[in-house]
Amino acid sequence: MAAAVPNCRAYDPAFAYEVAVILDHGARQMLEDRQDVFYYLTVTNQNYPMPSLRPGLASDIVRGMYKFAEFSPVSPKCRVNLLGSGAILGEVIEAARLLQTDWEVACDVWSVTSFSELAREAAECQRWNRLHPEGAPKVSLVQASHIADTPVIAATDYVRAYPGLIAPYLRQLTVLGTDGFGRSDSRSALRRFFEVDRWHVTLAALHELAQQGVLARSVVASAADRYGIDTDSAAPWTR
């Protein structure tokens, strides 16, 4: 909903250094540059380790996305991109470890601080290129990251429509979100119910690889059995 407000800059940071970078940038825009914008940040109450800011990431944090880590087995069979926004990033990181150790799949893990800012920049680049066909084309962060070259799995603690904002700028995007009714339970139980936890992220990645013919479909079935996923359960948004 915040993405629909033209001058709202909505962010879902995962780590303390992301919050610091966004707050500094936002304060300078509003107080020093006097821009007619306001910032909306969601900060969760889940406890997990906070790494330090690596040099050179500040600009991409503000733009909406940066590569957090790479996971690669000794002899990778294939590669996927995993996107996580906010606290769900921890589950995405664990999914990358599962893909690496259990299935020999290499993963690039991306921390998405704002799907809405990514979509806005991509739309602006698309518009500029359309209006200036003879000029040097502008490239958005989504395009420059080359995540469209391999399967992309995005997980969120919010509805699937949020990561879906960048779908028009990718060849293929699988989104896992919490579409459904409000519930009160532990965070792990809710993520299991809404099928956004590390095991479902892993399964989604394997499924996309199987769809491309890189892995056998039997691998996906084996993963569902291995992780105890009920393949016959009703969709979360129907129960």
C-alpha atoms as a PDB file:
ATOM      1  CA  MET A   1       0.000   0.000   0.000  1.00  0.00           C
ATOM      2  CA  ALA A   2       2.887   2.363   0.729  1.00  0.00           C
ATOM      3  CA  ALA A   3       4.206   1.779  -2.782  1.00  0.00           C
ATOM      4  CA  ALA A   4       1.057   3.398  -4.168  1.00  0.00           C
ATOM      5  CA  VAL A   5       1.886   6.750  -2.514  1.00  0.00           C
ATOM      6  CA  PRO A   6       4.113   8.674  -4.965  1.00  0.00           C
ATOM      7  CA  ASN A   7       6.320  10.431  -2.409  1.00  0.00           C
ATOM      8  CA  CYS A   8       6.551   7.573   0.099  1.00  0.00           C
ATOM      9  CA  ARG A   9       9.830   5.698   0.230  1.00  0.00           C
ATOM     10  CA  ALA A  10       9.025   2.324   1.811  1.00  0.00           C
ATOM     11  CA  TYR A  11      11.788   0.031   3.081  1.00  0.00           C
ATOM     12  CA  ASP A  12      11.947  -3.331   4.832  1.00  0.00           C
ATOM     13  CA  PRO A  13      15.535  -3.575   6.142  1.00  0.00           C
ATOM     14  CA  ALA A  14      16.937  -6.841   7.491  1.00  0.00           C
ATOM     15  CA  PHE A  15      20.003  -5.577   9.384  1.00  0.00           C
ATOM     16  CA  ALA A  16      20.924  -2.667  11.620  1.00  0.00           C
ATOM     17  CA  TYR A  17      23.421  -1.271   9.107  1.00  0.00           C
ATOM     18  CA  GLU A  18      20.685  -1.155   6.466  1.00  0.00           C
ATOM     19  CA  VAL A  19      18.522   0.883   8.847  1.00  0.00           C
ATOM     20  CA  ALA A  20      21.410   3.261   9.527  1.00  0.00           C
ATOM     21  CA  VAL A  21      22.133   3.804   5.829  1.00  0.00           C
ATOM     22  CA  ILE A  22      18.465   4.385   4.957  1.00  0.00           C
ATOM     23  CA  LEU A  23      17.883   6.755   7.895  1.00  0.00           C
ATOM     24  CA  ASP A  24      20.952   8.796   7.016  1.00  0.00           C
ATOM     25  CA  HIS A  25      19.954   9.025   3.363  1.00  0.00           C
ATOM     26  CA  GLY A  26      16.327   9.858   4.172  1.00  0.00           C
ATOM     27  CA  ALA A  27      17.200  12.546   6.700  1.00  0.00           C
ATOM     28  CA  ARG A  28      19.520  14.228   4.201  1.00  0.00           C
ATOM     29  CA  GLN A  29      16.853  14.163   1.495  1.00  0.00           C
ATOM     30  CA  MET A  30      14.147  15.611   3.717  1.00  0.00           C
ATOM     31  CA  LEU A  31      16.147  18.039   5.881  1.00  0.00           C
ATOM     32  CA  GLU A  32      19.093  19.109   3.729  1.00  0.00           C
ATOM     33  CA  ASP A  33      17.710  18.794   0.192  1.00  0.00           C
ATOM     34  CA  ARG A  34      14.146  19.737   1.228  1.00  0.00           C
ATOM     35  CA  GLN A  35      12.645  17.053  -0.994  1.00  0.00           C
ATOM     36  CA  ASP A  36       8.909  16.427  -0.690  1.00  0.00           C
ATOM     37  CA  VAL A  37       9.237  12.799   0.399  1.00  0.00           C
ATOM     38  CA  PHE A  38       8.760  10.764   3.541  1.00  0.00           C
ATOM     39  CA  TYR A  39      10.150   7.414   4.613  1.00  0.00           C
ATOM     40  CA  TYR A  40       8.348   4.337   5.923  1.00  0.00           C
ATOM     41  CA  LEU A  41      10.479   1.603   7.506  1.00  0.00           C
ATOM     42  CA  THR A  42       9.304  -1.716   8.944  1.00  0.00           C
ATOM     43  CA  VAL A  43      11.547  -2.998  11.721  1.00  0.00           C
ATOM     44  CA  THR A  44      10.703  -6.405  13.189  1.00  0.00           C
ATOM     45  CA  ASN A  45      11.255  -7.765  16.675  1.00  0.00           C
ATOM     46  CA  GLN A  46      13.002 -10.996  15.735  1.00  0.00           C
ATOM     47  CA  ASN A  47      16.432 -11.593  17.266  1.00  0.00           C
ATOM     48  CA  TYR A  48      19.274 -12.658  14.966  1.00  0.00           C
ATOM     49  CA  PRO A  49      22.950 -11.731  14.413  1.00  0.00           C
ATOM     50  CA  MET A  50      23.703  -8.333  12.920  1.00  0.00           C
ATOM     51  CA  PRO A  51      26.726  -8.310  10.579  1.00  0.00           C
ATOM     52  CA  SER A  52      28.803  -5.218   9.819  1.00  0.00           C
ATOM     53  CA  LEU A  53      28.355  -3.018   6.775  1.00  0.00           C
ATOM     54  CA  ARG A  54      30.718  -3.933   3.961  1.00  0.00           C
ATOM     55  CA  PRO A  55      32.283  -1.074   1.980  1.00  0.00           C
ATOM     56  CA  GLY A  56      30.517  -0.014  -1.196  1.00  0.00           C
ATOM     57  CA  LEU A  57      27.001  -1.222  -0.322  1.00  0.00           C
ATOM     58  CA  ALA A  58      25.356   2.027   0.801  1.00  0.00           C
ATOM     59  CA  SER A  59      24.173   3.137  -2.640  1.00  0.00           C
ATOM     60  CA  ASP A  60      22.529  -0.198  -3.492  1.00  0.00           C
ATOM     61  CA  ILE A  61      20.925  -0.413  -0.039  1.00  0.00           C
ATOM     62  CA  VAL A  62      19.152   2.873  -0.783  1.00  0.00           C
ATOM     63  CA  ARG A  63      18.300   1.807  -4.338  1.00  0.00           C
ATOM     64  CA  GLY A  64      16.675  -1.354  -2.991  1.00  0.00           C
ATOM     65  CA  MET A  65      18.884  -4.439  -3.315  1.00  0.00           C
ATOM     66  CA  TYR A  66      22.410  -5.795  -2.926  1.00  0.00           C
ATOM     67  CA  LYS A  67      24.115  -9.182  -2.967  1.00  0.00           C
ATOM     68  CA  PHE A  68      24.493 -10.360   0.618  1.00  0.00           C
ATOM     69  CA  ALA A  69      26.323 -13.651   0.102  1.00  0.00           C
ATOM     70  CA  GLU A  70      27.232 -16.408  -2.328  1.00  0.00           C
ATOM     71  CA  PHE A  71      26.911 -20.107  -1.562  1.00  0.00           C
ATOM     72  CA  SER A  72      28.634 -22.562  -3.844  1.00  0.00           C
ATOM     73  CA  PRO A  73      29.342 -26.288  -3.431  1.00  0.00           C
ATOM     74  CA  VAL A  74      32.584 -27.810  -4.695  1.00  0.00           C
ATOM     75  CA  SER A  75      30.953 -28.999  -7.917  1.00  0.00           C
ATOM     76  CA  PRO A  76      27.742 -27.012  -8.418  1.00  0.00           C
ATOM     77  CA  LYS A  77      25.121 -28.539 -10.691  1.00  0.00           C
ATOM     78  CA  CYS A  78      23.322 -25.234 -11.307  1.00  0.00           C
ATOM     79  CA  ARG A  79      22.634 -21.797  -9.809  1.00  0.00           C
ATOM     80  CA  VAL A  80      19.662 -19.837  -8.464  1.00  0.00           C
ATOM     81  CA  ASN A  81      19.081 -16.371  -7.048  1.00  0.00           C
ATOM     82  CA  LEU A  82      17.292 -16.083  -3.708  1.00  0.00           C
ATOM     83  CA  LEU A  83      15.757 -12.764  -2.658  1.00  0.00           C
ATOM     84  CA  GLY A  84      14.691 -11.938   0.891  1.00  0.00           C
ATOM     85  CA  SER A  85      13.301  -8.732   2.345  1.00  0.00           C
ATOM     86  CA  GLY A  86      13.476  -7.931   6.048  1.00  0.00           C
ATOM     87  CA  ALA A  87      13.509 -10.614   8.725  1.00  0.00           C
ATOM     88  CA  ILE A  88      12.666 -13.384   6.238  1.00  0.00           C
ATOM     89  CA  LEU A  89      16.211 -13.005   4.903  1.00  0.00           C
ATOM     90  CA  GLY A  90      17.394 -15.367   7.641  1.00  0.00           C
ATOM     91  CA  GLU A  91      15.228 -18.146   6.216  1.00  0.00           C
ATOM     92  CA  VAL A  92      16.493 -17.372   2.719  1.00  0.00           C
ATOM     93  CA  ILE A  93      20.098 -17.681   3.908  1.00  0.00           C
ATOM     94  CA  GLU A  94      19.332 -21.050   5.514  1.00  0.00           C
ATOM     95  CA  ALA A  95      17.630 -22.171   2.294  1.00  0.00           C
ATOM     96  CA  ALA A  96      20.810 -21.311   0.419  1.00  0.00           C
ATOM     97  CA  ARG A  97      22.772 -23.514   2.815  1.00  0.00           C
ATOM     98  CA  LEU A  98      20.325 -26.379   2.259  1.00  0.00           C
ATOM     99  CA  LEU A  99      20.594 -26.016  -1.505  1.00  0.00           C
ATOM    100  CA  GLN A 100      24.365 -25.996  -1.247  1.00  0.00           C
ATOM    101  CA  THR A 101      24.813 -28.953   1.099  1.00  0.00           C
ATOM    102  CA  ASP A 102      21.833 -31.169   0.240  1.00  0.00           C
ATOM    103  CA  TRP A 103      21.461 -30.606  -3.507  1.00  0.00           C
ATOM    104  CA  GLU A 104      24.768 -29.152  -4.768  1.00  0.00           C
ATOM    105  CA  VAL A 105      23.052 -26.015  -6.044  1.00  0.00           C
ATOM    106  CA  ALA A 106      24.914 -22.698  -6.005  1.00  0.00           C
ATOM    107  CA  CYS A 107      23.003 -19.657  -4.719  1.00  0.00           C
ATOM    108  CA  ASP A 108      23.346 -15.910  -4.750  1.00  0.00           C
ATOM    109  CA  VAL A 109      21.468 -14.423  -1.782  1.00  0.00           C
ATOM    110  CA  TRP A 110      20.186 -10.866  -2.166  1.00  0.00           C
ATOM    111  CA  SER A 111      18.925  -8.600   0.579  1.00  0.00           C
ATOM    112  CA  VAL A 112      16.072  -6.557  -0.857  1.00  0.00           C
ATOM    113  CA  THR A 113      15.564  -3.449   1.221  1.00  0.00           C
ATOM    114  CA  SER A 114      12.713  -2.178  -0.973  1.00  0.00           C
ATOM    115  CA  PHE A 115      10.853  -3.960  -3.754  1.00  0.00           C
ATOM    116  CA  SER A 116       8.883  -0.764  -4.385  1.00  0.00           C
ATOM    117  CA  GLU A 117      12.015   1.328  -4.938  1.00  0.00           C
ATOM    118  CA  LEU A 118      13.390  -1.336  -7.284  1.00  0.00           C
ATOM    119  CA  ALA A 119      10.172  -1.290  -9.282  1.00  0.00           C
ATOM    120  CA  ARG A 120      10.103   2.506  -9.444  1.00  0.00           C
ATOM    121  CA  GLU A 121      13.651   2.730 -10.736  1.00  0.00           C
ATOM    122  CA  ALA A 122      13.023  -0.015 -13.308  1.00  0.00           C
ATOM    123  CA  ALA A 123       9.869   1.745 -14.501  1.00  0.00           C
ATOM    124  CA  GLU A 124      11.730   5.059 -14.794  1.00  0.00           C
ATOM    125  CA  CYS A 125      14.491   3.436 -16.850  1.00  0.00           C
ATOM    126  CA  GLN A 126      11.931   1.719 -19.056  1.00  0.00           C
ATOM    127  CA  ARG A 127      10.121   5.021 -19.643  1.00  0.00           C
ATOM    128  CA  TRP A 128      13.319   6.948 -20.408  1.00  0.00           C
ATOM    129  CA  ASN A 129      14.462   4.307 -22.892  1.00  0.00           C
ATOM    130  CA  ARG A 130      11.069   4.375 -24.586  1.00  0.00           C
ATOM    131  CA  LEU A 131      11.134   8.172 -24.953  1.00  0.00           C
ATOM    132  CA  HIS A 132      14.801   8.294 -26.016  1.00  0.00           C
ATOM    133  CA  PRO A 133      15.187   5.381 -28.458  1.00  0.00           C
ATOM    134  CA  GLU A 134      18.391   6.784 -29.939  1.00  0.00           C
ATOM    135  CA  GLY A 135      20.075   7.497 -26.601  1.00  0.00           C
ATOM    136  CA  ALA A 136      22.203   5.185 -24.516  1.00  0.00           C
ATOM    137  CA  PRO A 137      19.738   2.973 -22.660  1.00  0.00           C
ATOM    138  CA  LYS A 138      19.509   3.341 -18.910  1.00  0.00           C
ATOM    139  CA  VAL A 139      19.868   0.151 -16.869  1.00  0.00           C
ATOM    140  CA  SER A 140      18.029  -0.381 -13.590  1.00  0.00           C
ATOM    141  CA  LEU A 141      19.516  -2.157 -10.596  1.00  0.00           C
ATOM    142  CA  VAL A 142      17.296  -5.177 -11.250  1.00  0.00           C
ATOM    143  CA  GLN A 143      18.684  -5.459 -14.781  1.00  0.00           C
ATOM    144  CA  ALA A 144      22.278  -4.667 -13.810  1.00  0.00           C
ATOM    145  CA  SER A 145      22.289  -7.438 -11.193  1.00  0.00           C
ATOM    146  CA  HIS A 146      21.778 -10.108 -13.899  1.00  0.00           C
ATOM    147  CA  ILE A 147      19.373 -11.998 -11.646  1.00  0.00           C
ATOM    148  CA  ALA A 148      17.152 -12.595 -14.662  1.00  0.00           C
ATOM    149  CA  ASP A 149      19.736 -14.985 -16.109  1.00  0.00           C
ATOM    150  CA  THR A 150      18.849 -17.732 -13.599  1.00  0.00           C
ATOM    151  CA  PRO A 151      15.730 -18.721 -11.657  1.00  0.00           C
ATOM    152  CA  VAL A 152      14.716 -16.093  -9.082  1.00  0.00           C
ATOM    153  CA  ILE A 153      12.909 -17.010  -5.867  1.00  0.00           C
ATOM    154  CA  ALA A 154      11.650 -14.161  -3.671  1.00  0.00           C
ATOM    155  CA  ALA A 155      10.383 -14.722  -0.122  1.00  0.00           C
ATOM    156  CA  THR A 156       8.530 -12.197   2.005  1.00  0.00           C
ATOM    157  CA  ASP A 157       6.660 -12.009   5.310  1.00  0.00           C
ATOM    158  CA  TYR A 158       4.082  -9.923   3.442  1.00  0.00           C
ATOM    159  CA  VAL A 159       1.685 -10.704   0.594  1.00  0.00           C
ATOM    160  CA  ARG A 160       3.078 -11.940  -2.697  1.00  0.00           C
ATOM    161  CA  ALA A 161       2.030  -8.755  -4.484  1.00  0.00           C
ATOM    162  CA  TYR A 162       4.910  -6.895  -2.798  1.00  0.00           C
ATOM    163  CA  PRO A 163       7.838  -8.773  -4.432  1.00  0.00           C
ATOM    164  CA  GLY A 164       5.618  -9.109  -7.491  1.00  0.00           C
ATOM    165  CA  LEU A 165       6.240  -5.427  -8.195  1.00  0.00           C
ATOM    166  CA  ILE A 166       9.496  -6.359  -9.944  1.00  0.00           C
ATOM    167  CA  ALA A 167       8.026  -9.256 -11.931  1.00  0.00           C
ATOM    168  CA  PRO A 168       7.588  -7.210 -15.166  1.00  0.00           C
ATOM    169  CA  TYR A 169      11.357  -6.666 -15.275  1.00  0.00           C
ATOM    170  CA  LEU A 170      12.391 -10.313 -14.918  1.00  0.00           C
ATOM    171  CA  ARG A 171      12.012 -13.293 -17.207  1.00  0.00           C
ATOM    172  CA  GLN A 172      10.846 -15.537 -14.410  1.00  0.00           C
ATOM    173  CA  LEU A 173      10.036 -14.848 -10.765  1.00  0.00           C
ATOM    174  CA  THR A 174       8.616 -17.211  -8.146  1.00  0.00           C
ATOM    175  CA  VAL A 175       7.200 -15.412  -5.115  1.00  0.00           C
ATOM    176  CA  LEU A 176       6.468 -16.931  -1.714  1.00  0.00           C
ATOM    177  CA  GLY A 177       4.352 -14.738   0.566  1.00  0.00           C
ATOM    178  CA  THR A 178       1.895 -14.769   3.429  1.00  0.00           C
ATOM    179  CA  ASP A 179      -1.385 -14.396   1.542  1.00  0.00           C
ATOM    180  CA  GLY A 180      -4.171 -15.499   3.853  1.00  0.00           C
ATOM    181  CA  PHE A 181      -5.981 -14.758   7.055  1.00  0.00           C
ATOM    182  CA  GLY A 182      -4.467 -13.139  10.146  1.00  0.00           C
ATOM    183  CA  ARG A 183      -3.097 -15.655  12.647  1.00  0.00           C
ATOM    184  CA  SER A 184      -1.368 -15.618  15.999  1.00  0.00           C
ATOM    185  CA  ASP A 185       1.401 -18.177  16.493  1.00  0.00           C
ATOM    186  CA  SER A 186       5.166 -18.450  16.692  1.00  0.00           C
ATOM    187  CA  ARG A 187       7.072 -16.953  13.781  1.00  0.00           C
ATOM    188  CA  SER A 188       8.418 -20.360  12.727  1.00  0.00           C
ATOM    189  CA  ALA A 189       4.945 -21.942  12.786  1.00  0.00           C
ATOM    190  CA  LEU A 190       3.454 -19.085  10.787  1.00  0.00           C
ATOM    191  CA  ARG A 191       6.165 -19.296   8.163  1.00  0.00           C
ATOM    192  CA  ARG A 192       5.654 -23.028   7.911  1.00  0.00           C
ATOM    193  CA  PHE A 193       1.896 -22.536   7.532  1.00  0.00           C
ATOM    194  CA  PHE A 194       2.250 -19.836   4.876  1.00  0.00           C
ATOM    195  CA  GLU A 195       4.947 -21.865   3.074  1.00  0.00           C
ATOM    196  CA  VAL A 196       7.661 -19.203   3.213  1.00  0.00           C
ATOM    197  CA  ASP A 197      10.197 -20.935   5.475  1.00  0.00           C
ATOM    198  CA  ARG A 198      13.636 -22.254   4.457  1.00  0.00           C
ATOM    199  CA  TRP A 199      12.279 -25.619   3.347  1.00  0.00           C
ATOM    200  CA  HIS A 200       9.652 -24.142   1.061  1.00  0.00           C
ATOM    201  CA  VAL A 201      12.177 -21.677  -0.377  1.00  0.00           C
ATOM    202  CA  THR A 202      14.457 -24.636  -1.095  1.00  0.00           C
ATOM    203  CA  LEU A 203      11.618 -26.592  -2.675  1.00  0.00           C
ATOM    204  CA  ALA A 204      10.625 -23.621  -4.851  1.00  0.00           C
ATOM    205  CA  ALA A 205      14.199 -23.251  -6.103  1.00  0.00           C
ATOM    206  CA  LEU A 206      14.473 -26.941  -6.954  1.00  0.00           C
ATOM    207  CA  HIS A 207      11.110 -26.836  -8.706  1.00  0.00           C
ATOM    208  CA  GLU A 208      12.159 -23.940 -10.939  1.00  0.00           C
ATOM    209  CA  LEU A 209      15.376 -25.742 -11.834  1.00  0.00           C
ATOM    210  CA  ALA A 210      13.370 -28.846 -12.682  1.00  0.00           C
ATOM    211  CA  GLN A 211      11.014 -26.735 -14.815  1.00  0.00           C
ATOM    212  CA  GLN A 212      14.029 -25.618 -16.827  1.00  0.00           C
ATOM    213  CA  GLY A 213      15.195 -29.198 -17.229  1.00  0.00           C
ATOM    214  CA  VAL A 214      18.356 -28.650 -15.186  1.00  0.00           C
ATOM    215  CA  LEU A 215      17.271 -31.091 -12.469  1.00  0.00           C
ATOM    216  CA  ALA A 216      15.042 -34.154 -12.570  1.00  0.00           C
ATOM    217  CA  ARG A 217      11.509 -33.726 -11.240  1.00  0.00           C
ATOM    218  CA  SER A 218      12.191 -36.610  -8.869  1.00  0.00           C
ATOM    219  CA  VAL A 219      14.615 -34.316  -7.022  1.00  0.00           C
ATOM    220  CA  VAL A 220      11.734 -31.996  -6.120  1.00  0.00           C
ATOM    221  CA  ALA A 221       9.648 -34.918  -4.844  1.00  0.00           C
ATOM    222  CA  SER A 222      12.614 -36.162  -2.803  1.00  0.00           C
ATOM    223  CA  ALA A 223      13.054 -32.710  -1.257  1.00  0.00           C
ATOM    224  CA  ALA A 224       9.392 -32.547  -0.223  1.00  0.00           C
ATOM    225  CA  ASP A 225       9.721 -35.933   1.489  1.00  0.00           C
ATOM    226  CA  ARG A 226      13.035 -35.035   3.085  1.00  0.00           C
ATOM    227  CA  TYR A 227      11.710 -31.806   4.604  1.00  0.00           C
ATOM    228  CA  GLY A 228       8.328 -33.186   5.653  1.00  0.00           C
ATOM    229  CA  ILE A 229       6.290 -30.922   3.384  1.00  0.00           C
ATOM    230  CA  ASP A 230       2.630 -31.898   3.037  1.00  0.00           C
ATOM    231  CA  THR A 231       2.114 -31.750  -0.714  1.00  0.00           C
ATOM    232  CA  ASP A 232      -1.633 -32.370  -0.461  1.00  0.00           C
ATOM    233  CA  SER A 233      -2.479 -29.569   1.976  1.00  0.00           C
ATOM    234  CA  ALA A 234      -4.820 -26.770   0.907  1.00  0.00           C
ATOM    235  CA  ALA A 235      -3.351 -23.409  -0.067  1.00  0.00           C
ATOM    236  CA  PRO A 236      -2.742 -21.171   2.983  1.00  0.00           C
ATOM    237  CA  TRP A 237      -5.052 -18.429   1.695  1.00  0.00           C
ATOM    238  CA  THR A 238      -7.993 -20.859   1.670  1.00  0.00           C
ATOM    239  CA  ARG A 239      -7.785 -21.998   5.303  1.00  0.00           C
END
